[in-house]
Amino acid sequence: MSRKIVGILMLVSVLILSLSGCMLTGTTVNVNGTWHVVAVYTAPGVSSTTILDTDMNFQQNGNTLTVDYIFQGTVNGNKVTFSFSNNGASWSFTGTVSGNKMSGTWTMSDGTSTFSGTWTAVKK
């Protein structure tokens, strides 16, 4: 996996984690703030590899989400989604928020290959 793909995967992982702070009350949670995001690449027969381990800034305006000015997404109830496309690669994060923690899955596709894994985030 190239450095570029690993960097993108890490950035996407951070974003997904930031979005998972929604409460389970039926109202949209607030994920504004800095989240520490960790994304892990997983594949059958391959060791899990951490591709992202960094702090990310989540900015929420209503249901609209922006992560580190790159990822765009939504927050609905306790569900978060955010995505980013660059140089033919598309990243997508989905997850849930529970208090000061988020978790979910991510995928990255470059048009010929698709990579996926899990992500977690903790609000700082």
PDB file of N, CA and C in Angstrom:
ATOM      1  N   MET A   1       0.858  -1.167   0.000  1.00  0.00           N
ATOM      2  CA  MET A   1       0.000   0.000   0.000  1.00  0.00           C
ATOM      3  C   MET A   1       0.907   1.234   0.000  1.00  0.00           C
ATOM      4  N   SER A   2       0.644   2.171  -0.876  1.00  0.00           N
ATOM      5  CA  SER A   2       1.498   3.346  -0.984  1.00  0.00           C
ATOM      6  C   SER A   2       1.312   4.272   0.214  1.00  0.00           C
ATOM      7  N   ARG A   3       2.295   5.147   0.432  1.00  0.00           N
ATOM      8  CA  ARG A   3       2.221   6.114   1.528  1.00  0.00           C
ATOM      9  C   ARG A   3       1.019   7.014   1.383  1.00  0.00           C
ATOM     10  N   LYS A   4       0.708   7.369   0.134  1.00  0.00           N
ATOM     11  CA  LYS A   4      -0.417   8.265  -0.132  1.00  0.00           C
ATOM     12  C   LYS A   4      -1.722   7.626   0.333  1.00  0.00           C
ATOM     13  N   ILE A   5      -1.905   6.362   0.014  1.00  0.00           N
ATOM     14  CA  ILE A   5      -3.129   5.658   0.403  1.00  0.00           C
ATOM     15  C   ILE A   5      -3.193   5.531   1.919  1.00  0.00           C
ATOM     16  N   VAL A   6      -2.075   5.206   2.552  1.00  0.00           N
ATOM     17  CA  VAL A   6      -2.046   5.071   4.004  1.00  0.00           C
ATOM     18  C   VAL A   6      -2.394   6.402   4.665  1.00  0.00           C
ATOM     19  N   GLY A   7      -1.849   7.496   4.141  1.00  0.00           N
ATOM     20  CA  GLY A   7      -2.157   8.808   4.693  1.00  0.00           C
ATOM     21  C   GLY A   7      -3.628   9.149   4.570  1.00  0.00           C
ATOM     22  N   ILE A   8      -4.194   8.850   3.435  1.00  0.00           N
ATOM     23  CA  ILE A   8      -5.615   9.121   3.216  1.00  0.00           C
ATOM     24  C   ILE A   8      -6.458   8.258   4.139  1.00  0.00           C
ATOM     25  N   LEU A   9      -6.098   6.993   4.287  1.00  0.00           N
ATOM     26  CA  LEU A   9      -6.835   6.100   5.179  1.00  0.00           C
ATOM     27  C   LEU A   9      -6.800   6.620   6.607  1.00  0.00           C
ATOM     28  N   MET A  10      -5.665   7.121   7.017  1.00  0.00           N
ATOM     29  CA  MET A  10      -5.553   7.638   8.378  1.00  0.00           C
ATOM     30  C   MET A  10      -6.439   8.858   8.569  1.00  0.00           C
ATOM     31  N   LEU A  11      -6.460   9.737   7.603  1.00  0.00           N
ATOM     32  CA  LEU A  11      -7.272  10.939   7.709  1.00  0.00           C
ATOM     33  C   LEU A  11      -8.748  10.588   7.753  1.00  0.00           C
ATOM     34  N   VAL A  12      -9.150   9.670   6.947  1.00  0.00           N
ATOM     35  CA  VAL A  12     -10.546   9.245   6.917  1.00  0.00           C
ATOM     36  C   VAL A  12     -10.933   8.597   8.235  1.00  0.00           C
ATOM     37  N   SER A  13     -10.044   7.800   8.791  1.00  0.00           N
ATOM     38  CA  SER A  13     -10.330   7.150  10.066  1.00  0.00           C
ATOM     39  C   SER A  13     -10.602   8.159  11.159  1.00  0.00           C
ATOM     40  N   VAL A  14      -9.817   9.185  11.191  1.00  0.00           N
ATOM     41  CA  VAL A  14      -9.984  10.224  12.198  1.00  0.00           C
ATOM     42  C   VAL A  14     -11.349  10.876  12.068  1.00  0.00           C
ATOM     43  N   LEU A  15     -11.757  11.124  10.854  1.00  0.00           N
ATOM     44  CA  LEU A  15     -13.043  11.763  10.639  1.00  0.00           C
ATOM     45  C   LEU A  15     -14.188  10.903  11.112  1.00  0.00           C
ATOM     46  N   ILE A  16     -14.127   9.664  10.829  1.00  0.00           N
ATOM     47  CA  ILE A  16     -15.194   8.758  11.235  1.00  0.00           C
ATOM     48  C   ILE A  16     -15.328   8.735  12.742  1.00  0.00           C
ATOM     49  N   LEU A  17     -14.240   8.695  13.418  1.00  0.00           N
ATOM     50  CA  LEU A  17     -14.278   8.671  14.873  1.00  0.00           C
ATOM     51  C   LEU A  17     -14.915   9.920  15.445  1.00  0.00           C
ATOM     52  N   SER A  18     -14.657  11.013  14.847  1.00  0.00           N
ATOM     53  CA  SER A  18     -15.198  12.272  15.349  1.00  0.00           C
ATOM     54  C   SER A  18     -16.706  12.311  15.268  1.00  0.00           C
ATOM     55  N   LEU A  19     -17.267  11.611  14.345  1.00  0.00           N
ATOM     56  CA  LEU A  19     -18.701  11.666  14.119  1.00  0.00           C
ATOM     57  C   LEU A  19     -19.494  10.737  15.019  1.00  0.00           C
ATOM     58  N   SER A  20     -18.842   9.878  15.772  1.00  0.00           N
ATOM     59  CA  SER A  20     -19.565   8.862  16.514  1.00  0.00           C
ATOM     60  C   SER A  20     -20.011   9.304  17.899  1.00  0.00           C
ATOM     61  N   GLY A  21     -19.937  10.549  18.262  1.00  0.00           N
ATOM     62  CA  GLY A  21     -20.291  11.002  19.600  1.00  0.00           C
ATOM     63  C   GLY A  21     -21.759  11.278  19.812  1.00  0.00           C
ATOM     64  N   CYS A  22     -22.609  10.913  18.903  1.00  0.00           N
ATOM     65  CA  CYS A  22     -24.046  11.200  19.027  1.00  0.00           C
ATOM     66  C   CYS A  22     -24.672  10.387  20.145  1.00  0.00           C
ATOM     67  N   MET A  23     -25.663  10.975  20.787  1.00  0.00           N
ATOM     68  CA  MET A  23     -26.369  10.292  21.847  1.00  0.00           C
ATOM     69  C   MET A  23     -27.451   9.408  21.253  1.00  0.00           C
ATOM     70  N   LEU A  24     -27.899   8.455  22.027  1.00  0.00           N
ATOM     71  CA  LEU A  24     -28.895   7.505  21.561  1.00  0.00           C
ATOM     72  C   LEU A  24     -30.306   7.951  21.908  1.00  0.00           C
ATOM     73  N   THR A  25     -30.531   9.223  22.063  1.00  0.00           N
ATOM     74  CA  THR A  25     -31.824   9.729  22.506  1.00  0.00           C
ATOM     75  C   THR A  25     -32.768  10.049  21.362  1.00  0.00           C
ATOM     76  N   GLY A  26     -32.358   9.894  20.114  1.00  0.00           N
ATOM     77  CA  GLY A  26     -33.200  10.247  18.990  1.00  0.00           C
ATOM     78  C   GLY A  26     -32.903  11.641  18.490  1.00  0.00           C
ATOM     79  N   THR A  27     -32.198  12.444  19.272  1.00  0.00           N
ATOM     80  CA  THR A  27     -31.781  13.754  18.817  1.00  0.00           C
ATOM     81  C   THR A  27     -30.347  13.644  18.302  1.00  0.00           C
ATOM     82  N   THR A  28     -29.979  14.564  17.435  1.00  0.00           N
ATOM     83  CA  THR A  28     -28.641  14.543  16.872  1.00  0.00           C
ATOM     84  C   THR A  28     -27.628  14.967  17.923  1.00  0.00           C
ATOM     85  N   VAL A  29     -26.581  14.178  18.061  1.00  0.00           N
ATOM     86  CA  VAL A  29     -25.530  14.494  19.014  1.00  0.00           C
ATOM     87  C   VAL A  29     -24.657  15.606  18.461  1.00  0.00           C
ATOM     88  N   ASN A  30     -23.871  16.203  19.320  1.00  0.00           N
ATOM     89  CA  ASN A  30     -22.949  17.263  18.935  1.00  0.00           C
ATOM     90  C   ASN A  30     -21.537  16.696  18.976  1.00  0.00           C
ATOM     91  N   VAL A  31     -20.864  16.651  17.827  1.00  0.00           N
ATOM     92  CA  VAL A  31     -19.511  16.105  17.757  1.00  0.00           C
ATOM     93  C   VAL A  31     -18.455  17.188  17.566  1.00  0.00           C
ATOM     94  N   ASN A  32     -18.834  18.458  17.756  1.00  0.00           N
ATOM     95  CA  ASN A  32     -17.861  19.544  17.640  1.00  0.00           C
ATOM     96  C   ASN A  32     -16.679  19.304  18.563  1.00  0.00           C
ATOM     97  N   GLY A  33     -15.493  19.605  18.063  1.00  0.00           N
ATOM     98  CA  GLY A  33     -14.309  19.525  18.903  1.00  0.00           C
ATOM     99  C   GLY A  33     -13.228  18.642  18.325  1.00  0.00           C
ATOM    100  N   THR A  34     -12.217  18.419  19.148  1.00  0.00           N
ATOM    101  CA  THR A  34     -11.069  17.607  18.753  1.00  0.00           C
ATOM    102  C   THR A  34     -11.266  16.175  19.227  1.00  0.00           C
ATOM    103  N   TRP A  35     -11.038  15.236  18.322  1.00  0.00           N
ATOM    104  CA  TRP A  35     -11.169  13.812  18.599  1.00  0.00           C
ATOM    105  C   TRP A  35      -9.857  13.127  18.232  1.00  0.00           C
ATOM    106  N   HIS A  36      -9.464  12.157  19.057  1.00  0.00           N
ATOM    107  CA  HIS A  36      -8.294  11.350  18.702  1.00  0.00           C
ATOM    108  C   HIS A  36      -8.827  10.136  17.954  1.00  0.00           C
ATOM    109  N   VAL A  37      -8.402  10.008  16.695  1.00  0.00           N
ATOM    110  CA  VAL A  37      -8.938   8.969  15.809  1.00  0.00           C
ATOM    111  C   VAL A  37      -7.865   7.938  15.496  1.00  0.00           C
ATOM    112  N   VAL A  38      -8.279   6.677  15.547  1.00  0.00           N
ATOM    113  CA  VAL A  38      -7.400   5.564  15.173  1.00  0.00           C
ATOM    114  C   VAL A  38      -8.153   4.716  14.152  1.00  0.00           C
ATOM    115  N   ALA A  39      -7.527   4.500  12.994  1.00  0.00           N
ATOM    116  CA  ALA A  39      -8.122   3.662  11.951  1.00  0.00           C
ATOM    117  C   ALA A  39      -7.208   2.476  11.702  1.00  0.00           C
ATOM    118  N   VAL A  40      -7.829   1.319  11.524  1.00  0.00           N
ATOM    119  CA  VAL A  40      -7.083   0.079  11.332  1.00  0.00           C
ATOM    120  C   VAL A  40      -7.520  -0.570  10.023  1.00  0.00           C
ATOM    121  N   TYR A  41      -6.527  -0.989   9.229  1.00  0.00           N
ATOM    122  CA  TYR A  41      -6.772  -1.713   7.980  1.00  0.00           C
ATOM    123  C   TYR A  41      -6.838  -3.193   8.307  1.00  0.00           C
ATOM    124  N   THR A  42      -7.898  -3.838   7.842  1.00  0.00           N
ATOM    125  CA  THR A  42      -8.046  -5.271   8.069  1.00  0.00           C
ATOM    126  C   THR A  42      -8.383  -5.962   6.752  1.00  0.00           C
ATOM    127  N   ALA A  43      -7.802  -7.138   6.567  1.00  0.00           N
ATOM    128  CA  ALA A  43      -8.085  -7.940   5.377  1.00  0.00           C
ATOM    129  C   ALA A  43      -7.840  -9.398   5.725  1.00  0.00           C
ATOM    130  N   PRO A  44      -8.596 -10.308   5.106  1.00  0.00           N
ATOM    131  CA  PRO A  44      -8.392 -11.727   5.381  1.00  0.00           C
ATOM    132  C   PRO A  44      -6.948 -12.144   5.091  1.00  0.00           C
ATOM    133  N   GLY A  45      -6.347 -12.839   6.046  1.00  0.00           N
ATOM    134  CA  GLY A  45      -4.995 -13.340   5.859  1.00  0.00           C
ATOM    135  C   GLY A  45      -3.899 -12.309   6.006  1.00  0.00           C
ATOM    136  N   VAL A  46      -4.247 -11.095   6.420  1.00  0.00           N
ATOM    137  CA  VAL A  46      -3.262 -10.022   6.570  1.00  0.00           C
ATOM    138  C   VAL A  46      -3.343  -9.486   7.995  1.00  0.00           C
ATOM    139  N   SER A  47      -2.194  -9.190   8.584  1.00  0.00           N
ATOM    140  CA  SER A  47      -2.177  -8.609   9.927  1.00  0.00           C
ATOM    141  C   SER A  47      -2.863  -7.244   9.900  1.00  0.00           C
ATOM    142  N   SER A  48      -3.576  -6.922  10.970  1.00  0.00           N
ATOM    143  CA  SER A  48      -4.188  -5.595  11.081  1.00  0.00           C
ATOM    144  C   SER A  48      -3.084  -4.554  11.147  1.00  0.00           C
ATOM    145  N   THR A  49      -3.300  -3.438  10.452  1.00  0.00           N
ATOM    146  CA  THR A  49      -2.307  -2.372  10.399  1.00  0.00           C
ATOM    147  C   THR A  49      -2.962  -1.044  10.737  1.00  0.00           C
ATOM    148  N   THR A  50      -2.407  -0.329  11.707  1.00  0.00           N
ATOM    149  CA  THR A  50      -2.911   1.002  12.037  1.00  0.00           C
ATOM    150  C   THR A  50      -2.476   1.956  10.939  1.00  0.00           C
ATOM    151  N   ILE A  51      -3.449   2.586  10.294  1.00  0.00           N
ATOM    152  CA  ILE A  51      -3.140   3.509   9.198  1.00  0.00           C
ATOM    153  C   ILE A  51      -3.356   4.959   9.594  1.00  0.00           C
ATOM    154  N   LEU A  52      -4.006   5.166  10.708  1.00  0.00           N
ATOM    155  CA  LEU A  52      -4.289   6.519  11.169  1.00  0.00           C
ATOM    156  C   LEU A  52      -4.306   6.527  12.687  1.00  0.00           C
ATOM    157  N   ASP A  53      -3.597   7.450  13.283  1.00  0.00           N
ATOM    158  CA  ASP A  53      -3.531   7.594  14.736  1.00  0.00           C
ATOM    159  C   ASP A  53      -3.202   9.052  14.999  1.00  0.00           C
ATOM    160  N   THR A  54      -4.248   9.903  15.030  1.00  0.00           N
ATOM    161  CA  THR A  54      -4.022  11.348  15.100  1.00  0.00           C
ATOM    162  C   THR A  54      -5.232  12.069  15.671  1.00  0.00           C
ATOM    163  N   ASP A  55      -5.045  13.335  16.030  1.00  0.00           N
ATOM    164  CA  ASP A  55      -6.149  14.189  16.458  1.00  0.00           C
ATOM    165  C   ASP A  55      -6.780  14.829  15.229  1.00  0.00           C
ATOM    166  N   MET A  56      -8.106  14.923  15.228  1.00  0.00           N
ATOM    167  CA  MET A  56      -8.831  15.549  14.126  1.00  0.00           C
ATOM    168  C   MET A  56      -9.869  16.510  14.690  1.00  0.00           C
ATOM    169  N   ASN A  57     -10.091  17.617  13.967  1.00  0.00           N
ATOM    170  CA  ASN A  57     -11.039  18.639  14.377  1.00  0.00           C
ATOM    171  C   ASN A  57     -12.360  18.453  13.640  1.00  0.00           C
ATOM    172  N   PHE A  58     -13.426  18.210  14.389  1.00  0.00           N
ATOM    173  CA  PHE A  58     -14.761  18.058  13.823  1.00  0.00           C
ATOM    174  C   PHE A  58     -15.555  19.333  14.042  1.00  0.00           C
ATOM    175  N   GLN A  59     -16.161  19.823  12.962  1.00  0.00           N
ATOM    176  CA  GLN A  59     -16.988  21.021  13.031  1.00  0.00           C
ATOM    177  C   GLN A  59     -18.384  20.658  12.549  1.00  0.00           C
ATOM    178  N   GLN A  60     -19.354  20.781  13.433  1.00  0.00           N
ATOM    179  CA  GLN A  60     -20.733  20.420  13.122  1.00  0.00           C
ATOM    180  C   GLN A  60     -21.597  21.666  13.110  1.00  0.00           C
ATOM    181  N   ASN A  61     -22.417  21.790  12.059  1.00  0.00           N
ATOM    182  CA  ASN A  61     -23.385  22.871  11.944  1.00  0.00           C
ATOM    183  C   ASN A  61     -24.712  22.209  11.612  1.00  0.00           C
ATOM    184  N   GLY A  62     -25.553  22.027  12.628  1.00  0.00           N
ATOM    185  CA  GLY A  62     -26.789  21.265  12.423  1.00  0.00           C
ATOM    186  C   GLY A  62     -26.428  19.813  12.161  1.00  0.00           C
ATOM    187  N   ASN A  63     -26.880  19.296  11.021  1.00  0.00           N
ATOM    188  CA  ASN A  63     -26.558  17.913  10.648  1.00  0.00           C
ATOM    189  C   ASN A  63     -25.350  17.829   9.726  1.00  0.00           C
ATOM    190  N   THR A  64     -24.790  18.980   9.354  1.00  0.00           N
ATOM    191  CA  THR A  64     -23.660  19.004   8.432  1.00  0.00           C
ATOM    192  C   THR A  64     -22.348  18.913   9.196  1.00  0.00           C
ATOM    193  N   LEU A  65     -21.450  18.086   8.695  1.00  0.00           N
ATOM    194  CA  LEU A  65     -20.183  17.856   9.370  1.00  0.00           C
ATOM    195  C   LEU A  65     -19.015  18.135   8.432  1.00  0.00           C
ATOM    196  N   THR A  66     -17.992  18.795   8.973  1.00  0.00           N
ATOM    197  CA  THR A  66     -16.731  18.996   8.274  1.00  0.00           C
ATOM    198  C   THR A  66     -15.627  18.531   9.216  1.00  0.00           C
ATOM    199  N   VAL A  67     -14.716  17.713   8.691  1.00  0.00           N
ATOM    200  CA  VAL A  67     -13.615  17.209   9.505  1.00  0.00           C
ATOM    201  C   VAL A  67     -12.303  17.691   8.897  1.00  0.00           C
ATOM    202  N   ASP A  68     -11.541  18.403   9.708  1.00  0.00           N
ATOM    203  CA  ASP A  68     -10.247  18.950   9.277  1.00  0.00           C
ATOM    204  C   ASP A  68     -10.330  19.638   7.919  1.00  0.00           C
ATOM    205  N   TYR A  69     -11.447  20.286   7.624  1.00  0.00           N
ATOM    206  CA  TYR A  69     -11.672  21.061   6.402  1.00  0.00           C
ATOM    207  C   TYR A  69     -11.589  20.221   5.121  1.00  0.00           C
ATOM    208  N   ILE A  70     -11.459  18.919   5.232  1.00  0.00           N
ATOM    209  CA  ILE A  70     -11.301  18.049   4.060  1.00  0.00           C
ATOM    210  C   ILE A  70     -12.504  17.137   3.884  1.00  0.00           C
ATOM    211  N   PHE A  71     -12.915  16.483   4.933  1.00  0.00           N
ATOM    212  CA  PHE A  71     -14.027  15.539   4.873  1.00  0.00           C
ATOM    213  C   PHE A  71     -15.351  16.269   5.048  1.00  0.00           C
ATOM    214  N   GLN A  72     -16.330  15.844   4.299  1.00  0.00           N
ATOM    215  CA  GLN A  72     -17.681  16.385   4.400  1.00  0.00           C
ATOM    216  C   GLN A  72     -18.610  15.247   4.775  1.00  0.00           C
ATOM    217  N   GLY A  73     -19.588  15.526   5.642  1.00  0.00           N
ATOM    218  CA  GLY A  73     -20.482  14.458   6.045  1.00  0.00           C
ATOM    219  C   GLY A  73     -21.708  14.955   6.755  1.00  0.00           C
ATOM    220  N   THR A  74     -22.362  14.022   7.453  1.00  0.00           N
ATOM    221  CA  THR A  74     -23.597  14.331   8.175  1.00  0.00           C
ATOM    222  C   THR A  74     -23.603  13.648   9.535  1.00  0.00           C
ATOM    223  N   VAL A  75     -24.413  14.212  10.411  1.00  0.00           N
ATOM    224  CA  VAL A  75     -24.682  13.626  11.717  1.00  0.00           C
ATOM    225  C   VAL A  75     -26.196  13.522  11.820  1.00  0.00           C
ATOM    226  N   ASN A  76     -26.699  12.318  12.015  1.00  0.00           N
ATOM    227  CA  ASN A  76     -28.139  12.076  12.162  1.00  0.00           C
ATOM    228  C   ASN A  76     -28.347  11.188  13.370  1.00  0.00           C
ATOM    229  N   GLY A  77     -28.963  11.762  14.423  1.00  0.00           N
ATOM    230  CA  GLY A  77     -29.096  11.009  15.665  1.00  0.00           C
ATOM    231  C   GLY A  77     -27.715  10.719  16.205  1.00  0.00           C
ATOM    232  N   ASN A  78     -27.396   9.435  16.398  1.00  0.00           N
ATOM    233  CA  ASN A  78     -26.057   9.063  16.864  1.00  0.00           C
ATOM    234  C   ASN A  78     -25.217   8.473  15.731  1.00  0.00           C
ATOM    235  N   LYS A  79     -25.676   8.639  14.491  1.00  0.00           N
ATOM    236  CA  LYS A  79     -24.963   8.110  13.320  1.00  0.00           C
ATOM    237  C   LYS A  79     -24.154   9.219  12.653  1.00  0.00           C
ATOM    238  N   VAL A  80     -22.917   8.868  12.265  1.00  0.00           N
ATOM    239  CA  VAL A  80     -22.067   9.822  11.566  1.00  0.00           C
ATOM    240  C   VAL A  80     -21.550   9.198  10.277  1.00  0.00           C
ATOM    241  N   THR A  81     -21.441  10.032   9.257  1.00  0.00           N
ATOM    242  CA  THR A  81     -20.827   9.610   8.001  1.00  0.00           C
ATOM    243  C   THR A  81     -20.006  10.786   7.489  1.00  0.00           C
ATOM    244  N   PHE A  82     -18.855  10.485   6.896  1.00  0.00           N
ATOM    245  CA  PHE A  82     -18.082  11.531   6.248  1.00  0.00           C
ATOM    246  C   PHE A  82     -17.214  10.903   5.167  1.00  0.00           C
ATOM    247  N   SER A  83     -16.904  11.694   4.151  1.00  0.00           N
ATOM    248  CA  SER A  83     -16.171  11.152   3.013  1.00  0.00           C
ATOM    249  C   SER A  83     -15.266  12.219   2.405  1.00  0.00           C
ATOM    250  N   PHE A  84     -14.375  11.750   1.536  1.00  0.00           N
ATOM    251  CA  PHE A  84     -13.369  12.603   0.916  1.00  0.00           C
ATOM    252  C   PHE A  84     -12.899  11.917  -0.355  1.00  0.00           C
ATOM    253  N   SER A  85     -12.692  12.682  -1.418  1.00  0.00           N
ATOM    254  CA  SER A  85     -12.157  12.142  -2.675  1.00  0.00           C
ATOM    255  C   SER A  85     -10.995  13.006  -3.123  1.00  0.00           C
ATOM    256  N   ASN A  86      -9.920  12.341  -3.589  1.00  0.00           N
ATOM    257  CA  ASN A  86      -8.737  13.061  -4.057  1.00  0.00           C
ATOM    258  C   ASN A  86      -7.909  12.135  -4.948  1.00  0.00           C
ATOM    259  N   ASN A  87      -7.478  12.644  -6.090  1.00  0.00           N
ATOM    260  CA  ASN A  87      -6.603  11.902  -7.000  1.00  0.00           C
ATOM    261  C   ASN A  87      -7.125  10.505  -7.328  1.00  0.00           C
ATOM    262  N   GLY A  88      -8.421  10.390  -7.552  1.00  0.00           N
ATOM    263  CA  GLY A  88      -9.010   9.117  -7.933  1.00  0.00           C
ATOM    264  C   GLY A  88      -9.317   8.181  -6.784  1.00  0.00           C
ATOM    265  N   ALA A  89      -8.971   8.558  -5.573  1.00  0.00           N
ATOM    266  CA  ALA A  89      -9.257   7.723  -4.405  1.00  0.00           C
ATOM    267  C   ALA A  89     -10.411   8.346  -3.624  1.00  0.00           C
ATOM    268  N   SER A  90     -11.350   7.502  -3.206  1.00  0.00           N
ATOM    269  CA  SER A  90     -12.500   7.955  -2.422  1.00  0.00           C
ATOM    270  C   SER A  90     -12.491   7.253  -1.075  1.00  0.00           C
ATOM    271  N   TRP A  91     -12.627   8.036  -0.013  1.00  0.00           N
ATOM    272  CA  TRP A  91     -12.668   7.524   1.353  1.00  0.00           C
ATOM    273  C   TRP A  91     -14.057   7.746   1.921  1.00  0.00           C
ATOM    274  N   SER A  92     -14.538   6.773   2.677  1.00  0.00           N
ATOM    275  CA  SER A  92     -15.847   6.889   3.301  1.00  0.00           C
ATOM    276  C   SER A  92     -15.792   6.292   4.706  1.00  0.00           C
ATOM    277  N   PHE A  93     -16.311   7.039   5.678  1.00  0.00           N
ATOM    278  CA  PHE A  93     -16.370   6.578   7.067  1.00  0.00           C
ATOM    279  C   PHE A  93     -17.826   6.591   7.531  1.00  0.00           C
ATOM    280  N   THR A  94     -18.215   5.554   8.228  1.00  0.00           N
ATOM    281  CA  THR A  94     -19.534   5.501   8.848  1.00  0.00           C
ATOM    282  C   THR A  94     -19.351   5.014  10.281  1.00  0.00           C
ATOM    283  N   GLY A  95     -20.202   5.490  11.170  1.00  0.00           N
ATOM    284  CA  GLY A  95     -20.067   5.047  12.547  1.00  0.00           C
ATOM    285  C   GLY A  95     -21.173   5.557  13.427  1.00  0.00           C
ATOM    286  N   THR A  96     -21.017   5.275  14.712  1.00  0.00           N
ATOM    287  CA  THR A  96     -21.976   5.717  15.717  1.00  0.00           C
ATOM    288  C   THR A  96     -21.230   6.415  16.847  1.00  0.00           C
ATOM    289  N   VAL A  97     -21.968   7.292  17.514  1.00  0.00           N
ATOM    290  CA  VAL A  97     -21.429   8.058  18.630  1.00  0.00           C
ATOM    291  C   VAL A  97     -22.106   7.595  19.906  1.00  0.00           C
ATOM    292  N   SER A  98     -21.300   7.412  20.939  1.00  0.00           N
ATOM    293  CA  SER A  98     -21.825   7.066  22.256  1.00  0.00           C
ATOM    294  C   SER A  98     -21.029   7.854  23.285  1.00  0.00           C
ATOM    295  N   GLY A  99     -21.626   8.933  23.774  1.00  0.00           N
ATOM    296  CA  GLY A  99     -20.925   9.779  24.732  1.00  0.00           C
ATOM    297  C   GLY A  99     -19.716  10.439  24.103  1.00  0.00           C
ATOM    298  N   ASN A 100     -18.535  10.195  24.676  1.00  0.00           N
ATOM    299  CA  ASN A 100     -17.312  10.799  24.151  1.00  0.00           C
ATOM    300  C   ASN A 100     -16.516   9.829  23.279  1.00  0.00           C
ATOM    301  N   LYS A 101     -17.202   8.811  22.736  1.00  0.00           N
ATOM    302  CA  LYS A 101     -16.538   7.823  21.884  1.00  0.00           C
ATOM    303  C   LYS A 101     -17.310   7.622  20.590  1.00  0.00           C
ATOM    304  N   MET A 102     -16.564   7.317  19.525  1.00  0.00           N
ATOM    305  CA  MET A 102     -17.156   6.980  18.237  1.00  0.00           C
ATOM    306  C   MET A 102     -16.462   5.715  17.724  1.00  0.00           C
ATOM    307  N   SER A 103     -17.176   4.971  16.883  1.00  0.00           N
ATOM    308  CA  SER A 103     -16.559   3.809  16.255  1.00  0.00           C
ATOM    309  C   SER A 103     -17.362   3.449  15.011  1.00  0.00           C
ATOM    310  N   GLY A 104     -16.685   2.760  14.089  1.00  0.00           N
ATOM    311  CA  GLY A 104     -17.363   2.366  12.865  1.00  0.00           C
ATOM    312  C   GLY A 104     -16.418   1.710  11.881  1.00  0.00           C
ATOM    313  N   THR A 105     -16.801   1.787  10.613  1.00  0.00           N
ATOM    314  CA  THR A 105     -16.009   1.179   9.549  1.00  0.00           C
ATOM    315  C   THR A 105     -15.650   2.234   8.507  1.00  0.00           C
ATOM    316  N   TRP A 106     -14.587   1.982   7.752  1.00  0.00           N
ATOM    317  CA  TRP A 106     -14.167   2.863   6.677  1.00  0.00           C
ATOM    318  C   TRP A 106     -13.869   2.017   5.447  1.00  0.00           C
ATOM    319  N   THR A 107     -13.995   2.658   4.279  1.00  0.00           N
ATOM    320  CA  THR A 107     -13.597   2.023   3.019  1.00  0.00           C
ATOM    321  C   THR A 107     -12.874   3.059   2.169  1.00  0.00           C
ATOM    322  N   MET A 108     -11.958   2.574   1.358  1.00  0.00           N
ATOM    323  CA  MET A 108     -11.229   3.414   0.422  1.00  0.00           C
ATOM    324  C   MET A 108     -11.168   2.663  -0.896  1.00  0.00           C
ATOM    325  N   SER A 109     -11.518   3.356  -1.976  1.00  0.00           N
ATOM    326  CA  SER A 109     -11.470   2.759  -3.303  1.00  0.00           C
ATOM    327  C   SER A 109     -10.709   3.679  -4.228  1.00  0.00           C
ATOM    328  N   ASP A 110      -9.823   3.087  -5.039  1.00  0.00           N
ATOM    329  CA  ASP A 110      -9.068   3.884  -6.012  1.00  0.00           C
ATOM    330  C   ASP A 110      -9.506   3.572  -7.438  1.00  0.00           C
ATOM    331  N   GLY A 111     -10.651   2.911  -7.591  1.00  0.00           N
ATOM    332  CA  GLY A 111     -11.168   2.565  -8.903  1.00  0.00           C
ATOM    333  C   GLY A 111     -10.816   1.157  -9.339  1.00  0.00           C
ATOM    334  N   THR A 112      -9.733   0.614  -8.788  1.00  0.00           N
ATOM    335  CA  THR A 112      -9.354  -0.761  -9.129  1.00  0.00           C
ATOM    336  C   THR A 112      -9.314  -1.653  -7.893  1.00  0.00           C
ATOM    337  N   SER A 113      -9.042  -1.084  -6.750  1.00  0.00           N
ATOM    338  CA  SER A 113      -8.965  -1.843  -5.500  1.00  0.00           C
ATOM    339  C   SER A 113      -9.784  -1.152  -4.431  1.00  0.00           C
ATOM    340  N   THR A 114     -10.273  -1.953  -3.487  1.00  0.00           N
ATOM    341  CA  THR A 114     -11.003  -1.414  -2.352  1.00  0.00           C
ATOM    342  C   THR A 114     -10.370  -1.939  -1.070  1.00  0.00           C
ATOM    343  N   PHE A 115     -10.152  -1.041  -0.123  1.00  0.00           N
ATOM    344  CA  PHE A 115      -9.579  -1.379   1.167  1.00  0.00           C
ATOM    345  C   PHE A 115     -10.586  -1.004   2.232  1.00  0.00           C
ATOM    346  N   SER A 116     -10.568  -1.698   3.360  1.00  0.00           N
ATOM    347  CA  SER A 116     -11.519  -1.377   4.421  1.00  0.00           C
ATOM    348  C   SER A 116     -10.940  -1.713   5.785  1.00  0.00           C
ATOM    349  N   GLY A 117     -11.638  -1.242   6.800  1.00  0.00           N
ATOM    350  CA  GLY A 117     -11.209  -1.514   8.164  1.00  0.00           C
ATOM    351  C   GLY A 117     -12.159  -0.879   9.153  1.00  0.00           C
ATOM    352  N   THR A 118     -11.676  -0.725  10.361  1.00  0.00           N
ATOM    353  CA  THR A 118     -12.479  -0.150  11.443  1.00  0.00           C
ATOM    354  C   THR A 118     -11.798   1.106  11.964  1.00  0.00           C
ATOM    355  N   TRP A 119     -12.567   1.929  12.648  1.00  0.00           N
ATOM    356  CA  TRP A 119     -12.007   3.131  13.256  1.00  0.00           C
ATOM    357  C   TRP A 119     -12.674   3.372  14.600  1.00  0.00           C
ATOM    358  N   THR A 120     -11.948   4.075  15.461  1.00  0.00           N
ATOM    359  CA  THR A 120     -12.472   4.484  16.753  1.00  0.00           C
ATOM    360  C   THR A 120     -12.003   5.918  17.010  1.00  0.00           C
ATOM    361  N   ALA A 121     -12.725   6.619  17.865  1.00  0.00           N
ATOM    362  CA  ALA A 121     -12.330   7.972  18.224  1.00  0.00           C
ATOM    363  C   ALA A 121     -12.749   8.260  19.660  1.00  0.00           C
ATOM    364  N   VAL A 122     -11.945   9.073  20.315  1.00  0.00           N
ATOM    365  CA  VAL A 122     -12.239   9.508  21.679  1.00  0.00           C
ATOM    366  C   VAL A 122     -12.122  11.024  21.710  1.00  0.00           C
ATOM    367  N   LYS A 123     -13.137  11.684  22.258  1.00  0.00           N
ATOM    368  CA  LYS A 123     -13.127  13.145  22.332  1.00  0.00           C
ATOM    369  C   LYS A 123     -12.093  13.602  23.346  1.00  0.00           C
ATOM    370  N   LYS A 124     -11.344  14.620  22.960  1.00  0.00           N
ATOM    371  CA  LYS A 124     -10.294  15.156  23.844  1.00  0.00           C
ATOM    372  C   LYS A 124     -10.822  16.289  24.692  1.00  0.00           C
TER     373      LYS A 124
END
